[in-house]
Amino acid sequence: MSSESTSAPNFIRTQIREEIEQGRVDTIVTRFPPEPNGFLHIGHAKSICLNFGLAEQLGGQCHLRFDDTNPAKEEQVYIDAIREDIEWLGFQWSGDVRYASSYFDQLHEWACQLIRDGLAYVDDLNAEQMREYRGTLTEPGRPSPWRDRSVEENLALFEGMKNGEFAEGEKVLRAKIDMASPNINLRDPTLYRIRHASHHQSGDKWKIYPSYDFTHGQSDAIEGITHSICTLEFEDHRPLYNWFLDNLPVPSRPRQIEFARLNLNYTVTSKRKLKLLVDQGVVDGWDDPRMPTISGMRRRGYTPASIRKFCDMVGVSRAAGVVDIQMLYHAIRSDLEDNAPRAMCVMKPLRIVLTNLPEDHEEVFEVPGHPAREDMGVRQLPLNREIWIDQDDFMEAPPKKFFRLAPGKEVRLRNAYVIRCDDVIKNDQGEIEALHCSVDLDTLGQNPEGRKVKGVIQWVSARHGVDVEVRNYDNLFQVEAPDRDKDVDFLEHLNAQSLETVRGIGEPSLADAAAEQRFQFERVGYFCADRHEHGAGRLVFNRTVSLKDGWAKAQNKSN
């Protein structure tokens, strides 16, 4: 877990520390309040790291509360996934998991109190009429014809709503604030809607459900939240958040602070759009490794530490911007460079016959699991007369500075000998079937005498190699801002090459790979054993990221 000493400073932590030092706050209590209507994504990871991190660094508590106010879009599977994601990231909430639905009785009582105080009324305008009456950013709204109903009538109608006497959309309960306010959120916002839907926590008890705005602040107050940390889109909602606290007998007074949300290029993080990708079969579920969801990133091979490091690198500020996805790739590369064991895997196999070795030749090289980590032990690499190399490591007519294998040229087998290509074997169609090569047996661990061999290639024993399916993932979208243009469907920007599946051959050690175990396939990239396929009788590895670090290279240039 990251500590304050390793976390980048941020203005929110500075403010809260000052409050503690001045005695205005005793123990901070933060919360992470997801709506259970989808899986968490990388933007949520930033909020998780911030809220749980503040509590950890400043000796406080962080609650996990599901703001479950819309049963029509919420499911238990989302709740389970969110809990799992938070724990996988390395955080633990204080106390039991909380639900806003647990406060529905209290919220209903407070709604009735607002009616009795003349601060709420039942409205018969439908959604389209409400939009029309609300006005615009430059024009004030108009009061509803039902705004001045009596307290008694409003209480009776609200009770009828609660008892299921009206159809969905027929009536709503609204706060009576100011239809001329320059802040549209204060123009009589909706407090309750009719929903004839069963709730995953409260069952069929309720026919009305509170709005997010009405629920959120009061739930914070009930739980004794001291700081409600929100993204900037809630800044205009803060006056409404405070209006409810001012006009209800809440047991505590949270303070809302806003920060800039995480925007990542080549990515969409709208839950609605992510759900559309799932529902239309564009991706293989919420945890498809191309998705920016935490579960998708986990399946792709990201580590909790890399995601926390990325969020730390991005920082916390009020300045909105777009983060380069290469920064995310840098975070996982730097983690896996230090922590992923090495292995060799040939993606496009080309058969090599080492002609000066006997048919029954077999020797085993013992090589480190990681070049700088003795704790990762060693792995065994058997060498036989026939091996596989990658097709891309051979060219029959190579250009200048091609330092791999070519007719008459030499190259070193990784951790083994130097070989020379002596003959190219082709079939009747002129396609290359195999290469006949000779081994220089005096080159194990040393350079050949009088010759300079620059190329080193990966290889796998034909007798001992294991069949693997490799899924090479790339960005799901081919443009930096796929949902920027409101006149163009974001699905038009999908990258048709976001997934390439190949049948490869891996070194024998990969047969023992555990689910979600990560490797560096030497000279290729970082890969993760797919957790869904593990134990299903085949080896499937998802590419996490390539070896080249574009972000670090760009940073070096700028410095």
Protein backbone atom coordinates (compact mmCIF):
# COMPACT_ATOMS: atom_id res chain seq x y z
CA MET A 1 0.00 0.00 0.00
CA SER A 2 1.28 3.45 -0.88
CA SER A 3 2.07 5.68 2.07
CA GLU A 4 2.02 9.44 2.35
CA SER A 5 5.81 9.54 1.97
CA THR A 6 5.56 7.99 -1.47
CA SER A 7 2.40 9.74 -2.63
CA ALA A 8 2.43 12.95 -4.58
CA PRO A 9 1.15 15.92 -2.53
CA ASN A 10 -2.34 17.19 -3.32
CA PHE A 11 -4.39 20.19 -2.33
CA ILE A 12 -7.15 18.16 -0.67
CA ARG A 13 -4.79 16.44 1.74
CA THR A 14 -3.18 19.79 2.52
CA GLN A 15 -6.57 21.36 3.30
CA ILE A 16 -7.70 18.50 5.51
CA ARG A 17 -4.43 18.37 7.41
CA GLU A 18 -4.77 22.09 8.15
CA GLU A 19 -8.31 21.48 9.47
CA ILE A 20 -7.01 18.73 11.75
CA GLU A 21 -4.11 20.86 13.00
CA GLN A 22 -6.50 23.76 13.70
CA GLY A 23 -8.86 21.50 15.63
CA ARG A 24 -11.76 21.95 13.21
CA VAL A 25 -11.80 18.21 12.47
CA ASP A 26 -10.96 15.44 14.88
CA THR A 27 -10.94 12.25 12.78
CA ILE A 28 -11.60 12.42 9.07
CA VAL A 29 -14.18 10.09 7.56
CA THR A 30 -14.29 9.78 3.77
CA ARG A 31 -16.35 7.50 1.58
CA PHE A 32 -16.32 5.87 -1.83
CA PRO A 33 -19.96 5.91 -3.00
CA PRO A 34 -20.39 4.04 -6.33
CA GLU A 35 -23.72 3.50 -8.00
CA PRO A 36 -24.05 -0.25 -8.63
CA ASN A 37 -25.06 0.15 -12.27
CA GLY A 38 -21.85 -1.06 -13.92
CA PHE A 39 -18.28 -2.11 -13.29
CA LEU A 40 -15.68 0.31 -11.93
CA HIS A 41 -13.23 1.85 -14.41
CA ILE A 42 -9.84 3.55 -14.26
CA GLY A 43 -11.48 6.88 -13.34
CA HIS A 44 -13.01 5.24 -10.28
CA ALA A 45 -9.57 3.89 -9.39
CA LYS A 46 -8.35 7.46 -8.97
CA SER A 47 -11.25 8.23 -6.63
CA ILE A 48 -10.67 5.01 -4.69
CA CYS A 49 -6.98 5.77 -4.23
CA LEU A 50 -7.80 9.34 -3.16
CA ASN A 51 -10.57 8.55 -0.65
CA PHE A 52 -8.99 5.46 0.89
CA GLY A 53 -5.56 7.07 0.70
CA LEU A 54 -6.66 10.18 2.60
CA ALA A 55 -8.11 8.04 5.38
CA GLU A 56 -4.97 5.92 5.55
CA GLN A 57 -2.53 8.84 5.45
CA LEU A 58 -4.41 11.03 7.94
CA GLY A 59 -5.46 8.38 10.44
CA GLY A 60 -9.13 8.34 9.49
CA GLN A 61 -11.77 6.00 8.09
CA CYS A 62 -13.16 5.38 4.62
CA HIS A 63 -16.62 3.90 4.07
CA LEU A 64 -17.81 1.90 1.10
CA ARG A 65 -21.41 2.93 0.40
CA PHE A 66 -23.48 1.92 -2.57
CA ASP A 67 -25.69 4.82 -3.63
CA ASP A 68 -28.37 2.47 -4.84
CA THR A 69 -31.27 4.76 -5.74
CA ASN A 70 -32.25 3.36 -9.16
CA PRO A 71 -33.25 -0.31 -9.00
CA ALA A 72 -34.04 -0.41 -12.72
CA LYS A 73 -30.31 -0.18 -13.56
CA GLU A 74 -28.70 -1.85 -10.57
CA GLU A 75 -27.70 -5.48 -10.13
CA GLN A 76 -26.07 -7.62 -7.47
CA VAL A 77 -23.36 -8.64 -9.95
CA TYR A 78 -22.17 -5.03 -10.02
CA ILE A 79 -22.06 -4.86 -6.23
CA ASP A 80 -20.00 -8.05 -6.06
CA ALA A 81 -17.60 -6.83 -8.77
CA ILE A 82 -17.09 -3.45 -7.09
CA ARG A 83 -16.29 -5.03 -3.75
CA GLU A 84 -13.82 -7.40 -5.39
CA ASP A 85 -12.14 -4.57 -7.33
CA ILE A 86 -11.57 -2.46 -4.21
CA GLU A 87 -10.11 -5.36 -2.26
CA TRP A 88 -7.93 -6.36 -5.23
CA LEU A 89 -6.53 -2.82 -5.39
CA GLY A 90 -5.40 -3.34 -1.79
CA PHE A 91 -7.92 -1.27 0.16
CA GLN A 92 -10.31 -2.18 2.96
CA TRP A 93 -13.31 -0.11 3.97
CA SER A 94 -14.17 0.72 7.55
CA GLY A 95 -16.95 -1.38 9.08
CA ASP A 96 -19.60 -3.14 7.04
CA VAL A 97 -20.52 -2.32 3.48
CA ARG A 98 -23.15 0.41 3.57
CA TYR A 99 -26.12 1.07 1.30
CA ALA A 100 -28.04 4.28 0.77
CA SER A 101 -31.16 2.09 0.61
CA SER A 102 -30.65 1.40 4.32
CA TYR A 103 -31.55 5.07 4.89
CA PHE A 104 -34.73 5.09 2.77
CA ASP A 105 -37.01 5.29 5.83
CA GLN A 106 -35.12 8.30 7.18
CA LEU A 107 -34.99 9.96 3.76
CA HIS A 108 -38.74 9.51 3.35
CA GLU A 109 -39.32 11.06 6.77
CA TRP A 110 -37.13 14.02 5.83
CA ALA A 111 -38.97 14.44 2.52
CA CYS A 112 -42.25 14.65 4.47
CA GLN A 113 -40.68 17.24 6.74
CA LEU A 114 -39.71 19.37 3.72
CA ILE A 115 -43.34 19.17 2.59
CA ARG A 116 -44.57 20.20 6.04
CA ASP A 117 -42.11 23.10 6.03
CA GLY A 118 -43.41 24.28 2.66
CA LEU A 119 -40.13 23.37 0.95
CA ALA A 120 -41.34 20.49 -1.26
CA TYR A 121 -44.37 19.75 -3.41
CA VAL A 122 -45.82 17.04 -5.64
CA ASP A 123 -45.68 18.01 -9.30
CA ASP A 124 -47.73 16.62 -12.19
CA LEU A 125 -45.51 17.90 -14.99
CA ASN A 126 -44.03 15.14 -17.11
CA ALA A 127 -40.31 14.99 -17.89
CA GLU A 128 -40.60 16.93 -21.14
CA GLN A 129 -42.70 19.67 -19.53
CA MET A 130 -40.27 19.91 -16.61
CA ARG A 131 -37.41 20.53 -19.03
CA GLU A 132 -39.43 23.24 -20.73
CA TYR A 133 -40.38 24.92 -17.44
CA ARG A 134 -36.83 24.71 -16.08
CA GLY A 135 -35.53 27.39 -18.45
CA THR A 136 -32.02 27.67 -19.85
CA LEU A 137 -28.61 28.93 -18.79
CA THR A 138 -29.63 32.43 -19.93
CA GLU A 139 -33.37 32.38 -19.15
CA PRO A 140 -35.02 31.77 -15.77
CA GLY A 141 -37.41 28.91 -15.27
CA ARG A 142 -41.17 29.15 -14.70
CA PRO A 143 -43.02 27.83 -11.66
CA SER A 144 -45.06 24.69 -12.14
CA PRO A 145 -48.85 25.13 -12.04
CA TRP A 146 -48.81 22.72 -9.06
CA ARG A 147 -46.07 24.51 -7.13
CA ASP A 148 -48.47 26.06 -4.61
CA ARG A 149 -50.42 22.99 -3.56
CA SER A 150 -51.26 22.92 0.12
CA VAL A 151 -49.18 20.98 2.62
CA GLU A 152 -52.10 18.63 3.24
CA GLU A 153 -52.59 17.88 -0.47
CA ASN A 154 -48.87 17.34 -1.02
CA LEU A 155 -48.63 14.95 1.93
CA ALA A 156 -51.64 12.98 0.68
CA LEU A 157 -50.34 12.78 -2.88
CA PHE A 158 -46.86 11.80 -1.70
CA GLU A 159 -48.42 9.03 0.40
CA GLY A 160 -50.31 7.89 -2.70
CA MET A 161 -47.05 7.82 -4.65
CA LYS A 162 -45.48 5.74 -1.90
CA ASN A 163 -48.40 3.30 -1.95
CA GLY A 164 -48.19 2.74 -5.70
CA GLU A 165 -51.42 4.57 -6.60
CA PHE A 166 -49.87 6.36 -9.58
CA ALA A 167 -48.05 5.27 -12.71
CA GLU A 168 -44.37 5.87 -13.29
CA GLY A 169 -43.79 9.43 -14.50
CA GLU A 170 -47.26 10.57 -13.44
CA LYS A 171 -46.00 12.54 -10.46
CA VAL A 172 -42.72 13.53 -8.79
CA LEU A 173 -41.79 15.21 -5.54
CA ARG A 174 -39.77 18.38 -6.03
CA ALA A 175 -37.96 20.73 -3.68
CA LYS A 176 -39.30 24.29 -3.67
CA ILE A 177 -36.20 26.46 -3.98
CA ASP A 178 -35.82 29.10 -6.71
CA MET A 179 -36.96 28.74 -10.34
CA ALA A 180 -35.01 31.89 -11.23
CA SER A 181 -31.71 30.76 -9.76
CA PRO A 182 -28.73 31.12 -12.11
CA ASN A 183 -27.78 27.61 -10.93
CA ILE A 184 -30.18 25.29 -12.71
CA ASN A 185 -29.67 22.63 -10.04
CA LEU A 186 -31.59 24.88 -7.62
CA ARG A 187 -34.63 25.24 -9.89
CA ASP A 188 -36.89 22.95 -7.90
CA PRO A 189 -34.94 19.69 -8.31
CA THR A 190 -36.65 16.32 -8.16
CA LEU A 191 -36.52 14.55 -4.81
CA TYR A 192 -38.56 11.41 -5.52
CA ARG A 193 -39.67 9.50 -8.62
CA ILE A 194 -42.18 6.68 -8.94
CA ARG A 195 -40.51 3.37 -9.80
CA HIS A 196 -42.52 0.14 -9.85
CA ALA A 197 -39.37 -1.95 -9.60
CA SER A 198 -38.06 -4.43 -7.08
CA HIS A 199 -34.88 -3.32 -5.31
CA HIS A 200 -31.91 -5.64 -4.82
CA GLN A 201 -31.72 -4.68 -1.12
CA SER A 202 -35.21 -3.58 -0.05
CA GLY A 203 -37.28 -5.84 -2.29
CA ASP A 204 -40.78 -4.54 -3.08
CA LYS A 205 -41.14 -2.27 -0.06
CA TRP A 206 -40.90 0.97 -2.03
CA LYS A 207 -42.75 2.31 -5.08
CA ILE A 208 -40.85 5.59 -4.90
CA TYR A 209 -37.11 6.12 -4.92
CA PRO A 210 -35.11 9.21 -3.94
CA SER A 211 -32.95 11.05 -6.44
CA TYR A 212 -29.18 10.85 -6.24
CA ASP A 213 -28.90 14.51 -5.21
CA PHE A 214 -31.37 14.08 -2.36
CA THR A 215 -29.81 10.83 -1.19
CA HIS A 216 -26.12 11.55 -1.40
CA GLY A 217 -25.59 14.41 1.06
CA GLN A 218 -28.02 13.08 3.63
CA SER A 219 -26.35 9.64 3.51
CA ASP A 220 -23.02 11.38 4.09
CA ALA A 221 -24.50 13.20 7.08
CA ILE A 222 -26.03 10.05 8.57
CA GLU A 223 -22.68 8.26 8.36
CA GLY A 224 -20.72 11.15 9.86
CA ILE A 225 -18.69 11.72 6.70
CA THR A 226 -16.46 14.73 7.29
CA HIS A 227 -15.33 15.27 3.68
CA SER A 228 -17.33 14.41 0.59
CA ILE A 229 -14.69 14.21 -2.14
CA CYS A 230 -16.32 14.56 -5.57
CA THR A 231 -15.26 15.18 -9.14
CA LEU A 232 -15.67 18.62 -10.68
CA GLU A 233 -18.99 17.89 -12.38
CA PHE A 234 -20.53 18.00 -8.90
CA GLU A 235 -19.28 21.52 -8.20
CA ASP A 236 -22.52 23.05 -9.49
CA HIS A 237 -24.42 20.60 -7.28
CA ARG A 238 -22.67 21.78 -4.12
CA PRO A 239 -25.19 24.60 -3.40
CA LEU A 240 -27.97 21.98 -3.55
CA TYR A 241 -25.94 19.60 -1.37
CA ASN A 242 -25.64 22.39 1.21
CA TRP A 243 -29.30 23.48 0.85
CA PHE A 244 -30.48 20.06 2.01
CA LEU A 245 -28.06 20.11 4.94
CA ASP A 246 -29.30 23.61 5.87
CA ASN A 247 -32.96 22.64 5.81
CA LEU A 248 -32.95 19.21 7.42
CA PRO A 249 -32.06 18.12 10.98
CA VAL A 250 -29.08 16.07 9.86
CA PRO A 251 -26.76 14.68 12.57
CA SER A 252 -23.53 16.02 11.02
CA ARG A 253 -22.33 18.45 8.37
CA PRO A 254 -20.01 17.04 5.67
CA ARG A 255 -17.97 19.38 3.48
CA GLN A 256 -17.85 18.77 -0.25
CA ILE A 257 -14.52 19.24 -2.08
CA GLU A 258 -14.14 18.75 -5.83
CA PHE A 259 -11.20 17.56 -7.91
CA ALA A 260 -10.66 16.95 -11.63
CA ARG A 261 -11.76 13.57 -12.90
CA LEU A 262 -9.39 11.30 -14.78
CA ASN A 263 -9.69 11.54 -18.57
CA LEU A 264 -7.56 9.11 -20.56
CA ASN A 265 -7.02 9.37 -24.31
CA TYR A 266 -8.03 6.52 -26.63
CA THR A 267 -10.58 5.60 -23.96
CA VAL A 268 -14.21 6.10 -22.99
CA THR A 269 -15.23 5.88 -19.34
CA SER A 270 -18.94 6.65 -19.55
CA LYS A 271 -20.72 3.73 -17.88
CA ARG A 272 -23.54 4.04 -20.39
CA LYS A 273 -21.12 3.71 -23.29
CA LEU A 274 -19.19 0.90 -21.65
CA LYS A 275 -22.46 -0.96 -21.11
CA LEU A 276 -23.31 -0.39 -24.77
CA LEU A 277 -20.02 -2.02 -25.77
CA VAL A 278 -20.96 -5.03 -23.63
CA ASP A 279 -24.60 -5.25 -24.70
CA GLN A 280 -23.77 -5.02 -28.40
CA GLY A 281 -21.08 -7.67 -28.16
CA VAL A 282 -18.28 -5.33 -29.21
CA VAL A 283 -16.30 -6.70 -26.26
CA ASP A 284 -16.48 -9.96 -24.37
CA GLY A 285 -18.07 -8.64 -21.18
CA TRP A 286 -17.19 -5.98 -18.62
CA ASP A 287 -13.84 -7.63 -17.91
CA ASP A 288 -12.71 -7.84 -21.52
CA PRO A 289 -8.99 -6.92 -21.37
CA ARG A 290 -9.60 -4.03 -23.79
CA MET A 291 -12.05 -2.39 -21.41
CA PRO A 292 -10.84 0.39 -19.06
CA THR A 293 -12.64 -1.34 -16.19
CA ILE A 294 -10.57 -2.38 -13.20
CA SER A 295 -11.59 -6.01 -13.74
CA GLY A 296 -10.67 -5.77 -17.43
CA MET A 297 -7.28 -4.26 -16.58
CA ARG A 298 -6.72 -7.00 -14.01
CA ARG A 299 -7.47 -9.67 -16.61
CA ARG A 300 -5.11 -7.97 -19.05
CA GLY A 301 -2.29 -8.22 -16.51
CA TYR A 302 -2.22 -4.90 -14.68
CA THR A 303 -1.17 -5.13 -11.05
CA PRO A 304 -2.77 -3.27 -8.14
CA ALA A 305 0.57 -1.54 -7.54
CA SER A 306 0.76 -0.30 -11.13
CA ILE A 307 -2.73 1.20 -11.03
CA ARG A 308 -2.03 2.90 -7.70
CA LYS A 309 1.27 4.20 -9.08
CA PHE A 310 -0.49 5.53 -12.17
CA CYS A 311 -3.08 7.37 -10.06
CA ASP A 312 -0.23 8.80 -7.99
CA MET A 313 1.56 9.96 -11.16
CA VAL A 314 -1.60 11.64 -12.45
CA GLY A 315 -2.03 13.51 -9.17
CA VAL A 316 -4.99 15.37 -7.72
CA SER A 317 -5.85 18.88 -8.85
CA ARG A 318 -8.72 21.03 -10.03
CA ALA A 319 -7.28 21.45 -13.51
CA ALA A 320 -9.12 19.29 -16.02
CA GLY A 321 -7.07 17.64 -18.71
CA VAL A 322 -6.44 14.46 -20.65
CA VAL A 323 -3.80 11.97 -19.55
CA ASP A 324 -1.71 10.19 -22.16
CA ILE A 325 -2.40 6.45 -22.09
CA GLN A 326 1.34 5.93 -22.50
CA MET A 327 1.69 7.02 -18.87
CA LEU A 328 -0.51 4.10 -17.86
CA TYR A 329 1.60 1.75 -19.97
CA HIS A 330 4.74 3.14 -18.34
CA ALA A 331 3.34 2.41 -14.87
CA ILE A 332 2.73 -1.26 -15.62
CA ARG A 333 6.00 -1.70 -17.54
CA SER A 334 8.06 -0.35 -14.65
CA ASP A 335 6.27 -2.71 -12.24
CA LEU A 336 6.59 -5.81 -14.41
CA GLU A 337 10.18 -5.07 -15.39
CA ASP A 338 11.07 -5.58 -11.73
CA ASN A 339 8.55 -8.27 -10.81
CA ALA A 340 7.64 -10.44 -13.80
CA PRO A 341 9.61 -13.66 -14.37
CA ARG A 342 11.04 -14.18 -17.83
CA ALA A 343 10.06 -16.78 -20.40
CA MET A 344 10.47 -17.36 -24.13
CA CYS A 345 7.56 -17.73 -26.51
CA VAL A 346 7.57 -17.99 -30.28
CA MET A 347 4.51 -16.29 -31.80
CA LYS A 348 4.94 -17.34 -35.44
CA PRO A 349 6.89 -20.62 -35.37
CA LEU A 350 9.53 -21.43 -37.97
CA ARG A 351 11.21 -24.85 -37.69
CA ILE A 352 14.98 -25.01 -37.33
CA VAL A 353 16.99 -28.21 -37.75
CA LEU A 354 20.40 -28.03 -36.08
CA THR A 355 22.10 -30.37 -38.51
CA ASN A 356 25.35 -30.92 -36.63
CA LEU A 357 23.55 -32.24 -33.55
CA PRO A 358 22.55 -35.92 -33.37
CA GLU A 359 18.86 -36.92 -33.54
CA ASP A 360 18.75 -37.82 -29.84
CA HIS A 361 20.64 -34.75 -28.66
CA GLU A 362 19.27 -33.11 -25.53
CA GLU A 363 20.87 -30.74 -23.11
CA VAL A 364 19.29 -28.45 -20.55
CA PHE A 365 20.32 -24.90 -19.79
CA GLU A 366 19.56 -23.56 -16.33
CA VAL A 367 18.77 -19.86 -16.56
CA PRO A 368 17.47 -17.28 -14.05
CA GLY A 369 13.75 -16.80 -13.63
CA HIS A 370 14.57 -13.07 -13.52
CA PRO A 371 17.96 -11.52 -14.33
CA ALA A 372 18.00 -9.43 -11.14
CA ARG A 373 15.88 -11.52 -8.75
CA GLU A 374 17.48 -14.56 -7.13
CA ASP A 375 14.21 -15.16 -5.26
CA MET A 376 12.56 -16.12 -8.56
CA GLY A 377 14.78 -19.16 -8.88
CA VAL A 378 15.78 -20.76 -12.16
CA ARG A 379 14.03 -22.33 -15.10
CA GLN A 380 15.06 -25.19 -17.36
CA LEU A 381 15.52 -24.69 -21.11
CA PRO A 382 15.98 -27.97 -23.01
CA LEU A 383 17.76 -27.83 -26.39
CA ASN A 384 17.17 -30.53 -29.02
CA ARG A 385 18.09 -31.01 -32.64
CA GLU A 386 14.88 -29.30 -33.73
CA ILE A 387 13.76 -25.97 -32.31
CA TRP A 388 11.31 -23.19 -33.18
CA ILE A 389 12.21 -19.59 -33.80
CA ASP A 390 9.95 -16.70 -34.80
CA GLN A 391 9.40 -16.14 -38.51
CA ASP A 392 10.14 -12.44 -38.03
CA ASP A 393 13.67 -13.34 -36.93
CA PHE A 394 14.58 -14.64 -40.40
CA MET A 395 14.78 -12.90 -43.77
CA GLU A 396 15.93 -14.54 -46.96
CA ALA A 397 17.03 -11.23 -48.46
CA PRO A 398 17.62 -8.98 -45.46
CA PRO A 399 18.16 -5.22 -45.62
CA LYS A 400 21.23 -3.59 -44.19
CA LYS A 401 21.42 -3.62 -40.38
CA PHE A 402 19.15 -6.68 -40.10
CA PHE A 403 20.95 -8.35 -37.21
CA ARG A 404 18.90 -11.50 -37.05
CA LEU A 405 19.09 -14.74 -39.04
CA ALA A 406 19.65 -14.85 -42.81
CA PRO A 407 21.29 -17.29 -45.22
CA GLY A 408 24.95 -17.57 -44.34
CA LYS A 409 24.51 -15.28 -41.31
CA GLU A 410 24.88 -16.03 -37.62
CA VAL A 411 22.73 -15.22 -34.61
CA ARG A 412 22.79 -16.22 -30.96
CA LEU A 413 20.03 -18.29 -29.43
CA ARG A 414 19.05 -16.60 -26.19
CA ASN A 415 20.95 -18.22 -23.26
CA ALA A 416 22.53 -20.74 -25.65
CA TYR A 417 24.75 -21.09 -28.70
CA VAL A 418 25.47 -19.15 -31.86
CA ILE A 419 23.93 -20.76 -34.95
CA ARG A 420 24.46 -20.17 -38.69
CA CYS A 421 21.81 -20.57 -41.39
CA ASP A 422 23.18 -22.98 -44.00
CA ASP A 423 20.14 -23.88 -46.07
CA VAL A 424 16.54 -22.75 -46.64
CA ILE A 425 14.05 -25.57 -47.18
CA LYS A 426 10.95 -24.72 -49.25
CA ASN A 427 7.88 -26.64 -50.37
CA ASP A 428 6.57 -26.97 -53.92
CA GLN A 429 4.82 -23.60 -53.63
CA GLY A 430 8.09 -21.88 -52.77
CA GLU A 431 7.10 -21.33 -49.13
CA ILE A 432 9.74 -21.68 -46.45
CA GLU A 433 9.17 -24.84 -44.42
CA ALA A 434 12.38 -25.00 -42.38
CA LEU A 435 15.91 -23.77 -42.01
CA HIS A 436 18.93 -26.00 -41.71
CA CYS A 437 21.45 -24.46 -39.37
CA SER A 438 24.67 -25.46 -37.69
CA VAL A 439 25.62 -24.85 -34.08
CA ASP A 440 28.94 -23.49 -32.90
CA LEU A 441 29.36 -25.51 -29.70
CA ASP A 442 32.23 -23.31 -28.52
CA THR A 443 29.99 -20.25 -28.05
CA LEU A 444 28.07 -21.09 -24.88
CA GLY A 445 28.50 -18.03 -22.69
CA GLN A 446 31.18 -16.51 -24.90
CA ASN A 447 31.54 -14.83 -28.27
CA PRO A 448 32.78 -16.78 -31.28
CA GLU A 449 36.47 -16.32 -31.96
CA GLY A 450 37.17 -13.71 -34.62
CA ARG A 451 33.49 -13.02 -35.39
CA LYS A 452 31.04 -10.41 -34.12
CA VAL A 453 27.47 -11.67 -33.65
CA LYS A 454 25.04 -8.86 -32.85
CA GLY A 455 21.66 -10.59 -32.97
CA VAL A 456 20.02 -12.54 -30.15
CA ILE A 457 16.69 -14.31 -30.74
CA GLN A 458 14.24 -16.32 -28.66
CA TRP A 459 13.69 -20.02 -29.36
CA VAL A 460 11.81 -23.03 -28.00
CA SER A 461 12.54 -26.74 -28.11
CA ALA A 462 10.32 -28.48 -30.67
CA ARG A 463 10.17 -31.57 -28.46
CA HIS A 464 9.38 -29.83 -25.18
CA GLY A 465 7.60 -26.61 -26.18
CA VAL A 466 3.98 -26.09 -25.08
CA ASP A 467 1.15 -24.86 -27.28
CA VAL A 468 -0.21 -21.49 -26.21
CA GLU A 469 -2.88 -19.12 -27.43
CA VAL A 470 -1.65 -15.53 -27.31
CA ARG A 471 -4.10 -12.64 -27.42
CA ASN A 472 -2.39 -9.44 -28.47
CA TYR A 473 -4.51 -6.54 -27.23
CA ASP A 474 -4.28 -2.95 -28.40
CA ASN A 475 -6.31 0.22 -27.78
CA LEU A 476 -10.02 -0.33 -28.33
CA PHE A 477 -10.30 2.99 -30.16
CA GLN A 478 -8.11 4.36 -32.93
CA VAL A 479 -8.57 8.07 -32.18
CA GLU A 480 -7.49 10.01 -29.10
CA ALA A 481 -10.95 11.34 -28.21
CA PRO A 482 -13.49 8.78 -29.44
CA ASP A 483 -16.52 10.46 -27.85
CA ARG A 484 -15.60 14.12 -28.30
CA ASP A 485 -17.65 14.71 -31.47
CA LYS A 486 -21.30 14.56 -30.44
CA ASP A 487 -22.37 14.30 -34.09
CA VAL A 488 -20.39 11.09 -34.67
CA ASP A 489 -21.18 7.74 -33.05
CA PHE A 490 -18.21 6.83 -30.88
CA LEU A 491 -18.49 3.25 -32.15
CA GLU A 492 -17.28 4.47 -35.55
CA HIS A 493 -13.86 4.99 -33.98
CA LEU A 494 -13.37 1.37 -32.93
CA ASN A 495 -9.98 -0.12 -33.69
CA ALA A 496 -10.51 -3.20 -35.87
CA GLN A 497 -7.04 -4.43 -34.82
CA SER A 498 -7.65 -4.17 -31.07
CA LEU A 499 -7.36 -7.96 -30.74
CA GLU A 500 -5.11 -10.36 -32.63
CA THR A 501 -5.11 -14.01 -31.61
CA VAL A 502 -2.15 -16.20 -32.54
CA ARG A 503 -1.13 -19.78 -31.85
CA GLY A 504 2.35 -19.82 -30.40
CA ILE A 505 4.79 -22.20 -28.74
CA GLY A 506 6.16 -21.41 -25.30
CA GLU A 507 9.03 -22.76 -23.28
CA PRO A 508 8.17 -25.68 -20.95
CA SER A 509 8.07 -23.54 -17.78
CA LEU A 510 4.89 -21.85 -19.03
CA ALA A 511 2.96 -25.11 -18.58
CA ASP A 512 3.02 -24.43 -14.83
CA ALA A 513 1.74 -20.84 -15.08
CA ALA A 514 -0.83 -19.92 -12.44
CA ALA A 515 -3.98 -17.95 -13.24
CA GLU A 516 -3.12 -14.25 -13.54
CA GLN A 517 0.61 -14.95 -13.36
CA ARG A 518 2.50 -12.35 -15.34
CA PHE A 519 5.57 -12.89 -17.51
CA GLN A 520 7.91 -11.00 -19.72
CA PHE A 521 8.10 -12.92 -22.96
CA GLU A 522 11.66 -11.99 -23.86
CA ARG A 523 12.01 -9.56 -26.76
CA VAL A 524 8.21 -9.46 -27.16
CA GLY A 525 6.32 -7.90 -24.23
CA TYR A 526 4.51 -8.56 -20.96
CA PHE A 527 1.78 -11.18 -20.79
CA CYS A 528 -0.67 -12.54 -18.24
CA ALA A 529 -2.19 -16.02 -17.94
CA ASP A 530 -5.91 -15.53 -18.54
CA ARG A 531 -7.82 -16.33 -15.36
CA HIS A 532 -10.97 -17.46 -17.17
CA GLU A 533 -9.12 -19.98 -19.33
CA HIS A 534 -6.90 -21.30 -16.52
CA GLY A 535 -7.57 -24.95 -15.85
CA ALA A 536 -9.68 -25.33 -19.00
CA GLY A 537 -7.08 -27.52 -20.69
CA ARG A 538 -5.26 -24.83 -22.65
CA LEU A 539 -2.79 -22.04 -22.01
CA VAL A 540 -4.00 -18.56 -22.91
CA PHE A 541 -1.89 -15.45 -22.37
CA ASN A 542 -3.12 -11.88 -22.71
CA ARG A 543 -0.67 -9.22 -23.79
CA THR A 544 -0.55 -6.54 -21.15
CA VAL A 545 1.81 -4.16 -22.90
CA SER A 546 4.72 -4.20 -25.33
CA LEU A 547 8.34 -3.72 -24.23
CA LYS A 548 8.79 -0.28 -25.81
CA ASP A 549 8.06 2.62 -23.45
CA GLY A 550 6.89 5.59 -25.50
CA TRP A 551 6.01 7.72 -22.47
CA ALA A 552 9.41 7.35 -20.80
CA LYS A 553 11.12 8.12 -24.12
CA ALA A 554 9.03 11.28 -24.53
CA GLN A 555 9.81 12.34 -20.95
CA ASN A 556 13.53 11.92 -21.56
CA LYS A 557 13.33 14.08 -24.67
CA SER A 558 11.46 16.83 -22.84
CA ASN A 559 14.13 16.85 -20.13
